[in-house]
Amino acid sequence: MKNILKVLRAQHDLSQAALAEQLDVSRQTINAIEKERYDPSLPLALKIGRLFNKPVEEIFSED
């Protein structure tokens, strides 16, 4: 699944570790999502959407 998480994280000046802490996941999870090796669960995707104030469909897309 494609995503713009790395772009959003950079726009908000967040490190992977800082974002992981806010989402209550590991830094490795953030890294895997950004590298498109891991698709987040629906609850995590919704949490990411709320954090960046964007709909999930704007952050994640099928490809």
Protein backbone atom coordinates (compact mmCIF):
# COMPACT_ATOMS: atom_id res chain seq x y z
CA MET A 1 0.00 0.00 0.00
CA LYS A 2 1.42 3.37 -0.99
CA ASN A 3 1.48 6.17 1.57
CA ILE A 4 2.70 9.70 2.22
CA LEU A 5 3.60 9.16 5.86
CA LYS A 6 7.25 10.16 5.40
CA VAL A 7 6.19 13.41 3.70
CA LEU A 8 3.69 14.24 6.47
CA ARG A 9 6.23 13.41 9.15
CA ALA A 10 8.78 15.73 7.53
CA GLN A 11 6.22 18.53 7.16
CA HIS A 12 5.52 18.31 10.89
CA ASP A 13 9.23 18.08 11.75
CA LEU A 14 8.82 14.72 13.49
CA SER A 15 11.43 12.00 13.73
CA GLN A 16 10.33 8.41 13.28
CA ALA A 17 10.86 7.90 17.01
CA ALA A 18 8.74 10.93 17.95
CA LEU A 19 5.91 9.85 15.65
CA ALA A 20 6.11 6.30 16.97
CA GLU A 21 5.82 7.59 20.54
CA GLN A 22 2.74 9.65 19.69
CA LEU A 23 1.12 6.63 18.01
CA ASP A 24 2.24 4.16 20.72
CA VAL A 25 4.12 1.93 18.26
CA SER A 26 7.79 1.18 17.68
CA ARG A 27 10.07 3.25 15.48
CA GLN A 28 10.56 0.12 13.41
CA THR A 29 6.81 0.04 12.70
CA ILE A 30 6.95 3.61 11.37
CA ASN A 31 9.97 2.73 9.25
CA ALA A 32 8.24 -0.36 7.82
CA ILE A 33 5.09 1.63 6.96
CA GLU A 34 7.12 4.36 5.25
CA LYS A 35 9.05 1.77 3.22
CA GLU A 36 5.73 0.11 2.28
CA ARG A 37 6.79 -3.21 3.83
CA TYR A 38 3.94 -3.15 6.36
CA ASP A 39 0.31 -2.08 6.09
CA PRO A 40 -0.98 -0.59 9.34
CA SER A 41 -4.05 -1.98 11.05
CA LEU A 42 -7.24 -0.01 10.60
CA PRO A 43 -7.08 1.41 14.16
CA LEU A 44 -3.48 2.56 13.57
CA ALA A 45 -4.35 4.05 10.16
CA LEU A 46 -7.23 5.98 11.76
CA LYS A 47 -4.93 7.20 14.54
CA ILE A 48 -2.43 8.43 11.92
CA GLY A 49 -5.24 10.22 10.07
CA ARG A 50 -6.42 11.95 13.24
CA LEU A 51 -2.88 12.95 14.19
CA PHE A 52 -2.29 14.65 10.82
CA ASN A 53 -5.91 15.82 10.48
CA LYS A 54 -6.31 14.06 7.13
CA PRO A 55 -8.63 11.31 5.90
CA VAL A 56 -7.01 7.88 5.80
CA GLU A 57 -7.60 7.74 2.03
CA GLU A 58 -5.42 10.82 1.59
CA ILE A 59 -2.52 9.20 3.44
CA PHE A 60 -2.82 5.61 2.18
CA SER A 61 -3.71 4.40 -1.31
CA GLU A 62 -3.78 1.07 -3.10
CA ASP A 63 -1.42 0.59 -6.00
